[in-house]
Amino acid sequence: MIANLLLFMRIAISAALYAFMGWAFWVLWRDLRAQARLVTAHQAPRISLHLVVDGGEETRHFVHTPIFIGRDPASECPINDPTVSTRHARLSYHHNQWWLEDLGSTNGTLLNGQPVTEAVVLTSSDLLRCGQVDLAVSIASDDTSQPASPALKAKTNL
């Protein structure tokens, strides 16, 4: 009789343990799936760079990160100008903001006329200068972007 009672208790405890482990794995799987949905749904807002190169104006739009600016044709934003380094600057999106970093360029990177010595936050209508090339920044809000050319034209006419 006692042997049957002990066997029943062992089976009940084993079943409770397996039920608890199954519940714990289900909760973890559900939370991971919800987190994956949040991460994949979060995208960087579109950033546009308006630049004047060789007398012509060009606007480039980006949504992925990081964006390398430089003379290297493999850069996301290649600029064929001798004053621009091969890997001049990097734009990256993190902490819900676009950031600019100078990558040790020879002629430096300026943000609104100030030298960039560390990573700085970009805002719409900022003016970048890589070497002797001016780039106006426009960051989309609500899936629309403001044209950046007036800020660039005002800067280049000075």
Protein backbone atom coordinates (compact mmCIF):
# COMPACT_ATOMS: atom_id res chain seq x y z
CA MET A 1 0.00 0.00 0.00
CA ILE A 2 2.77 2.45 0.96
CA ALA A 3 4.72 1.46 -2.15
CA ASN A 4 1.71 2.32 -4.35
CA LEU A 5 1.28 5.66 -2.55
CA LEU A 6 4.98 6.52 -3.04
CA LEU A 7 4.77 5.57 -6.73
CA PHE A 8 1.69 7.76 -7.19
CA MET A 9 3.43 10.69 -5.43
CA ARG A 10 6.53 10.28 -7.63
CA ILE A 11 4.39 10.28 -10.77
CA ALA A 12 2.42 13.33 -9.56
CA ILE A 13 5.59 15.27 -8.69
CA SER A 14 7.17 14.34 -12.05
CA ALA A 15 4.04 15.44 -13.91
CA ALA A 16 3.98 18.74 -11.97
CA LEU A 17 7.67 19.32 -12.74
CA TYR A 18 7.18 18.66 -16.47
CA ALA A 19 4.09 20.90 -16.51
CA PHE A 20 6.05 23.70 -14.84
CA MET A 21 8.96 23.32 -17.29
CA GLY A 22 6.54 23.33 -20.23
CA TRP A 23 4.82 26.47 -18.92
CA ALA A 24 8.20 28.20 -18.36
CA PHE A 25 9.38 27.40 -21.92
CA TRP A 26 6.05 28.57 -23.37
CA VAL A 27 6.31 31.92 -21.50
CA LEU A 28 9.92 32.40 -22.65
CA TRP A 29 9.03 31.56 -26.27
CA ARG A 30 6.08 33.97 -26.22
CA ASP A 31 8.21 36.80 -24.79
CA LEU A 32 11.01 36.21 -27.31
CA ARG A 33 8.52 36.24 -30.17
CA ALA A 34 7.02 39.53 -28.93
CA GLN A 35 10.50 41.06 -28.59
CA ALA A 36 11.42 39.92 -32.11
CA ARG A 37 8.28 41.62 -33.47
CA LEU A 38 9.23 44.85 -31.71
CA VAL A 39 12.79 44.79 -33.03
CA THR A 40 11.82 44.07 -36.62
CA ALA A 41 9.06 46.69 -36.57
CA HIS A 42 11.47 49.41 -35.39
CA GLN A 43 13.19 51.03 -38.36
CA ALA A 44 15.29 54.12 -38.65
CA PRO A 45 13.52 57.13 -40.17
CA ARG A 46 14.61 58.03 -43.68
CA ILE A 47 17.55 60.40 -43.86
CA SER A 48 18.28 62.42 -47.00
CA LEU A 49 21.60 63.97 -47.93
CA HIS A 50 21.51 66.78 -50.47
CA LEU A 51 24.92 67.52 -51.94
CA VAL A 52 26.50 69.61 -54.66
CA VAL A 53 29.21 67.70 -56.54
CA ASP A 54 30.95 68.91 -59.70
CA GLY A 55 28.44 71.75 -60.10
CA GLY A 56 25.45 69.38 -60.04
CA GLU A 57 23.03 68.81 -57.19
CA GLU A 58 22.11 65.36 -55.99
CA THR A 59 19.86 64.04 -53.23
CA ARG A 60 20.38 60.59 -51.77
CA HIS A 61 17.92 58.84 -49.45
CA PHE A 62 18.82 56.19 -46.87
CA VAL A 63 16.94 54.04 -44.35
CA HIS A 64 19.57 51.48 -43.41
CA THR A 65 22.43 51.97 -40.98
CA PRO A 66 25.36 52.54 -40.88
CA ILE A 67 25.96 54.92 -43.79
CA PHE A 68 29.59 55.46 -44.71
CA ILE A 69 30.48 58.69 -46.51
CA GLY A 70 33.72 58.75 -48.45
CA ARG A 71 35.57 58.49 -51.71
CA ASP A 72 35.44 54.69 -51.65
CA PRO A 73 33.01 53.55 -54.39
CA ALA A 74 31.81 50.82 -52.01
CA SER A 75 30.61 53.47 -49.51
CA GLU A 76 26.88 53.89 -49.11
CA CYS A 77 27.35 57.58 -50.00
CA PRO A 78 30.35 57.78 -52.35
CA ILE A 79 31.67 61.28 -53.10
CA ASN A 80 34.24 61.64 -55.85
CA ASP A 81 36.18 64.63 -54.52
CA PRO A 82 39.92 64.72 -53.68
CA THR A 83 39.27 66.55 -50.37
CA VAL A 84 37.10 63.68 -49.11
CA SER A 85 38.86 60.75 -47.43
CA THR A 86 38.25 57.16 -48.52
CA ARG A 87 36.22 56.57 -45.34
CA HIS A 88 35.43 60.07 -44.21
CA ALA A 89 32.40 59.88 -41.89
CA ARG A 90 29.75 57.50 -40.63
CA LEU A 91 26.04 58.08 -40.00
CA SER A 92 24.39 55.57 -37.71
CA TYR A 93 20.99 55.26 -36.08
CA HIS A 94 20.76 54.22 -32.45
CA HIS A 95 19.02 55.42 -29.29
CA ASN A 96 16.24 56.69 -31.61
CA GLN A 97 18.54 59.31 -33.18
CA TRP A 98 20.82 59.69 -36.17
CA TRP A 99 24.48 60.16 -35.15
CA LEU A 100 27.50 61.49 -37.08
CA GLU A 101 31.11 60.44 -36.51
CA ASP A 102 34.29 61.55 -38.22
CA LEU A 103 36.41 58.51 -39.08
CA GLY A 104 39.80 60.20 -38.76
CA SER A 105 39.50 61.99 -42.07
CA THR A 106 42.40 64.09 -43.36
CA ASN A 107 40.40 67.28 -44.01
CA GLY A 108 37.93 66.84 -41.16
CA THR A 109 34.17 66.85 -40.86
CA LEU A 110 32.20 69.92 -39.84
CA LEU A 111 28.65 69.99 -38.50
CA ASN A 112 27.07 73.44 -38.82
CA GLY A 113 30.56 74.94 -39.04
CA GLN A 114 31.90 73.16 -35.93
CA PRO A 115 34.54 70.40 -36.13
CA VAL A 116 33.28 66.93 -35.28
CA THR A 117 35.63 65.30 -32.75
CA GLU A 118 33.22 62.75 -31.29
CA ALA A 119 29.87 61.24 -32.19
CA VAL A 120 27.17 63.94 -32.36
CA VAL A 121 23.40 63.84 -32.86
CA LEU A 122 22.06 64.98 -36.23
CA THR A 123 18.85 66.91 -36.70
CA SER A 124 16.95 67.86 -39.80
CA SER A 125 18.40 70.90 -41.62
CA ASP A 126 21.93 70.34 -40.24
CA LEU A 127 24.75 71.14 -42.65
CA LEU A 128 27.70 68.74 -42.96
CA ARG A 129 30.98 69.54 -44.61
CA CYS A 130 33.24 66.66 -45.61
CA GLY A 131 36.45 68.12 -46.99
CA GLN A 132 35.19 70.78 -49.39
CA VAL A 133 31.80 69.12 -50.06
CA ASP A 134 28.65 70.43 -48.36
CA LEU A 135 25.80 68.07 -47.50
CA ALA A 136 22.45 69.24 -46.14
CA VAL A 137 20.66 66.75 -43.89
CA SER A 138 16.94 66.10 -43.89
CA ILE A 139 15.44 63.53 -41.53
CA ALA A 140 11.94 62.33 -42.35
CA SER A 141 9.21 62.70 -39.79
CA ASP A 142 5.93 60.88 -40.34
CA ASP A 143 7.35 59.41 -43.58
CA THR A 144 7.84 62.82 -45.18
CA SER A 145 11.09 64.65 -45.63
CA GLN A 146 11.72 68.34 -46.00
CA PRO A 147 13.82 69.36 -48.98
CA ALA A 148 17.30 70.24 -47.80
CA SER A 149 18.44 72.32 -50.75
CA PRO A 150 17.53 75.82 -49.36
CA ALA A 151 19.91 75.37 -46.42
CA LEU A 152 22.63 74.13 -48.74
CA LYS A 153 22.08 76.95 -51.26
CA ALA A 154 22.20 79.55 -48.49
CA LYS A 155 25.48 78.06 -47.22
CA THR A 156 27.14 77.77 -50.63
CA ASN A 157 26.15 81.32 -51.66
CA LEU A 158 28.11 82.80 -48.71
